[in-house]
Amino acid sequence: MLSKASKYAIRALVYMNTIEENPLMNIHQIAEKLNIPEQFLGKILQLLAKKKILYSQKGINGGFKFLKQPDEITFLEIVEIIDGLESFDNCLIGMKFCKLNPEIANMCYFHDKIDPILTQLKEILANTTISNYTKNLDKINKIIF
């Protein structure tokens, strides 16, 4: 359901939130630890910096750190920044007539079955912050990172 870019963004932020001091984190360190292509992750984190989620500092001693507090950053906000929210509103199989004509959309086989699931997923993502997700990882942190 989520794009690879959204998953990488969320994973990177969760990992960054496990570092207690929250120093500037080197892109190479994050990419290596999470096994994410460094250039791809760099583009993602720059986008998050542009949207004021992260602070970015260039140069040899550069890196990223949180600009916005992790307990204020929802998964849905990250998905919206990276991918937009169209996937929650568009037809599952991409039929354009569903979006263009709501009366026909009601006849689409998938809408009555999938729309409630997408609404529920959107609510879950909106109610999950980087901090509350990270708190659940405390016991297994050493294993996964």
Protein backbone atom coordinates (compact mmCIF):
# COMPACT_ATOMS: atom_id res chain seq x y z
CA MET A 1 0.00 0.00 0.00
CA LEU A 2 2.77 2.44 0.89
CA SER A 3 5.41 3.27 -1.67
CA LYS A 4 9.00 2.28 -1.12
CA ALA A 5 9.89 5.96 -0.64
CA SER A 6 7.29 6.38 2.12
CA LYS A 7 8.47 3.21 3.85
CA TYR A 8 12.09 4.37 3.68
CA ALA A 9 11.15 7.81 5.04
CA ILE A 10 9.25 6.34 7.98
CA ARG A 11 11.99 3.80 8.73
CA ALA A 12 14.66 6.51 8.67
CA LEU A 13 12.69 8.76 11.02
CA VAL A 14 11.98 5.90 13.39
CA TYR A 15 15.67 4.99 13.41
CA MET A 16 16.70 8.62 13.97
CA ASN A 17 14.30 8.78 16.90
CA THR A 18 16.05 5.83 18.57
CA ILE A 19 19.24 7.89 18.87
CA GLU A 20 18.82 9.53 22.26
CA GLU A 21 20.89 12.68 21.77
CA ASN A 22 19.43 13.34 18.31
CA PRO A 23 22.70 14.67 16.89
CA LEU A 24 23.14 15.44 13.23
CA MET A 25 22.93 12.04 11.63
CA ASN A 26 25.04 11.30 8.60
CA ILE A 27 23.09 10.05 5.57
CA HIS A 28 25.64 7.28 5.06
CA GLN A 29 25.12 6.02 8.62
CA ILE A 30 21.33 5.91 8.25
CA ALA A 31 21.42 4.29 4.80
CA GLU A 32 23.93 1.67 5.89
CA LYS A 33 22.10 0.81 9.10
CA LEU A 34 18.75 0.44 7.34
CA ASN A 35 20.08 -1.05 4.10
CA ILE A 36 18.56 1.74 1.99
CA PRO A 37 20.21 3.11 -1.17
CA GLU A 38 22.04 6.23 0.00
CA GLN A 39 21.19 8.50 -2.94
CA PHE A 40 17.51 7.58 -2.81
CA LEU A 41 17.41 8.16 0.95
CA GLY A 42 19.20 11.48 0.48
CA LYS A 43 16.46 12.72 -1.84
CA ILE A 44 13.77 11.59 0.59
CA LEU A 45 15.39 13.26 3.59
CA GLN A 46 16.00 16.47 1.62
CA LEU A 47 12.29 16.55 0.81
CA LEU A 48 11.48 16.14 4.51
CA ALA A 49 13.90 18.98 5.28
CA LYS A 50 12.22 21.17 2.67
CA LYS A 51 8.87 20.48 4.38
CA LYS A 52 10.32 21.43 7.81
CA ILE A 53 10.24 17.94 9.29
CA LEU A 54 14.03 17.70 9.43
CA TYR A 55 16.91 20.12 9.70
CA SER A 56 19.61 19.58 7.10
CA GLN A 57 23.21 20.73 7.27
CA LYS A 58 25.51 20.30 4.30
CA GLY A 59 29.21 19.63 4.37
CA ILE A 60 31.67 17.20 5.91
CA ASN A 61 30.09 17.44 9.36
CA GLY A 62 26.60 17.71 7.93
CA GLY A 63 23.60 15.53 8.37
CA PHE A 64 19.98 15.53 9.43
CA LYS A 65 18.13 15.92 12.70
CA PHE A 66 14.56 16.54 13.71
CA LEU A 67 13.25 20.05 13.26
CA LYS A 68 9.72 19.04 14.17
CA GLN A 69 9.22 16.99 17.33
CA PRO A 70 8.84 13.22 16.62
CA ASP A 71 5.68 13.11 18.75
CA GLU A 72 4.11 15.62 16.33
CA ILE A 73 5.03 13.77 13.13
CA THR A 74 2.40 11.29 11.99
CA PHE A 75 2.94 8.51 9.52
CA LEU A 76 0.16 10.03 7.42
CA GLU A 77 2.01 13.35 7.26
CA ILE A 78 5.08 11.56 5.92
CA VAL A 79 3.05 9.62 3.35
CA GLU A 80 1.38 12.87 2.27
CA ILE A 81 4.74 14.62 1.83
CA ILE A 82 6.32 11.74 -0.06
CA ASP A 83 3.43 10.39 -2.15
CA GLY A 84 0.39 12.55 -1.61
CA LEU A 85 -2.91 11.16 -0.41
CA GLU A 86 -4.42 10.33 -3.79
CA SER A 87 -4.00 6.59 -3.25
CA PHE A 88 -6.58 6.82 -0.45
CA ASP A 89 -9.11 8.48 -2.74
CA ASN A 90 -8.51 6.95 -6.15
CA CYS A 91 -9.82 3.71 -7.54
CA LEU A 92 -7.79 0.69 -6.42
CA ILE A 93 -7.21 -0.43 -10.00
CA GLY A 94 -6.90 3.09 -11.43
CA MET A 95 -10.15 3.38 -13.33
CA LYS A 96 -10.41 7.06 -14.23
CA PHE A 97 -14.19 7.01 -14.57
CA CYS A 98 -14.46 6.39 -10.80
CA LYS A 99 -12.76 9.67 -9.97
CA LEU A 100 -14.44 11.66 -12.72
CA ASN A 101 -18.00 10.54 -12.03
CA PRO A 102 -18.97 9.75 -8.42
CA GLU A 103 -22.26 8.17 -9.53
CA ILE A 104 -20.38 5.59 -11.56
CA ALA A 105 -17.85 5.12 -8.75
CA ASN A 106 -20.68 3.75 -6.60
CA MET A 107 -21.11 0.99 -9.17
CA CYS A 108 -17.41 0.07 -9.15
CA TYR A 109 -16.91 -3.38 -7.66
CA PHE A 110 -14.04 -2.26 -5.42
CA HIS A 111 -15.27 0.99 -3.91
CA ASP A 112 -17.77 -0.41 -1.42
CA LYS A 113 -15.28 -3.10 -0.37
CA ILE A 114 -12.01 -1.13 -0.31
CA ASP A 115 -13.03 2.40 0.73
CA PRO A 116 -13.73 1.44 4.38
CA ILE A 117 -10.35 -0.30 4.58
CA LEU A 118 -8.55 2.70 3.09
CA THR A 119 -10.38 5.00 5.51
CA GLN A 120 -9.31 2.82 8.43
CA LEU A 121 -5.70 2.69 7.21
CA LYS A 122 -5.65 6.47 6.82
CA GLU A 123 -6.92 6.85 10.41
CA ILE A 124 -4.28 4.46 11.74
CA LEU A 125 -1.51 6.36 9.93
CA ALA A 126 -2.92 9.69 11.16
CA ASN A 127 -2.90 8.44 14.77
CA THR A 128 0.58 6.90 14.68
CA THR A 129 3.47 9.23 15.41
CA ILE A 130 7.16 8.56 15.03
CA SER A 131 7.48 8.70 18.84
CA ASN A 132 4.68 6.35 19.75
CA TYR A 133 5.84 3.84 17.15
CA THR A 134 9.41 4.08 18.46
CA LYS A 135 8.26 3.49 22.06
CA ASN A 136 6.94 0.12 20.98
CA LEU A 137 10.40 -0.78 19.67
CA ASP A 138 12.30 -0.17 22.91
CA LYS A 139 12.48 -3.86 23.83
CA ILE A 140 13.65 -5.04 20.43
CA ASN A 141 15.73 -2.01 19.41
CA LYS A 142 19.08 -3.81 19.57
CA ILE A 143 17.75 -6.60 17.39
CA ILE A 144 16.27 -4.50 14.59
CA PHE A 145 18.82 -1.68 14.46
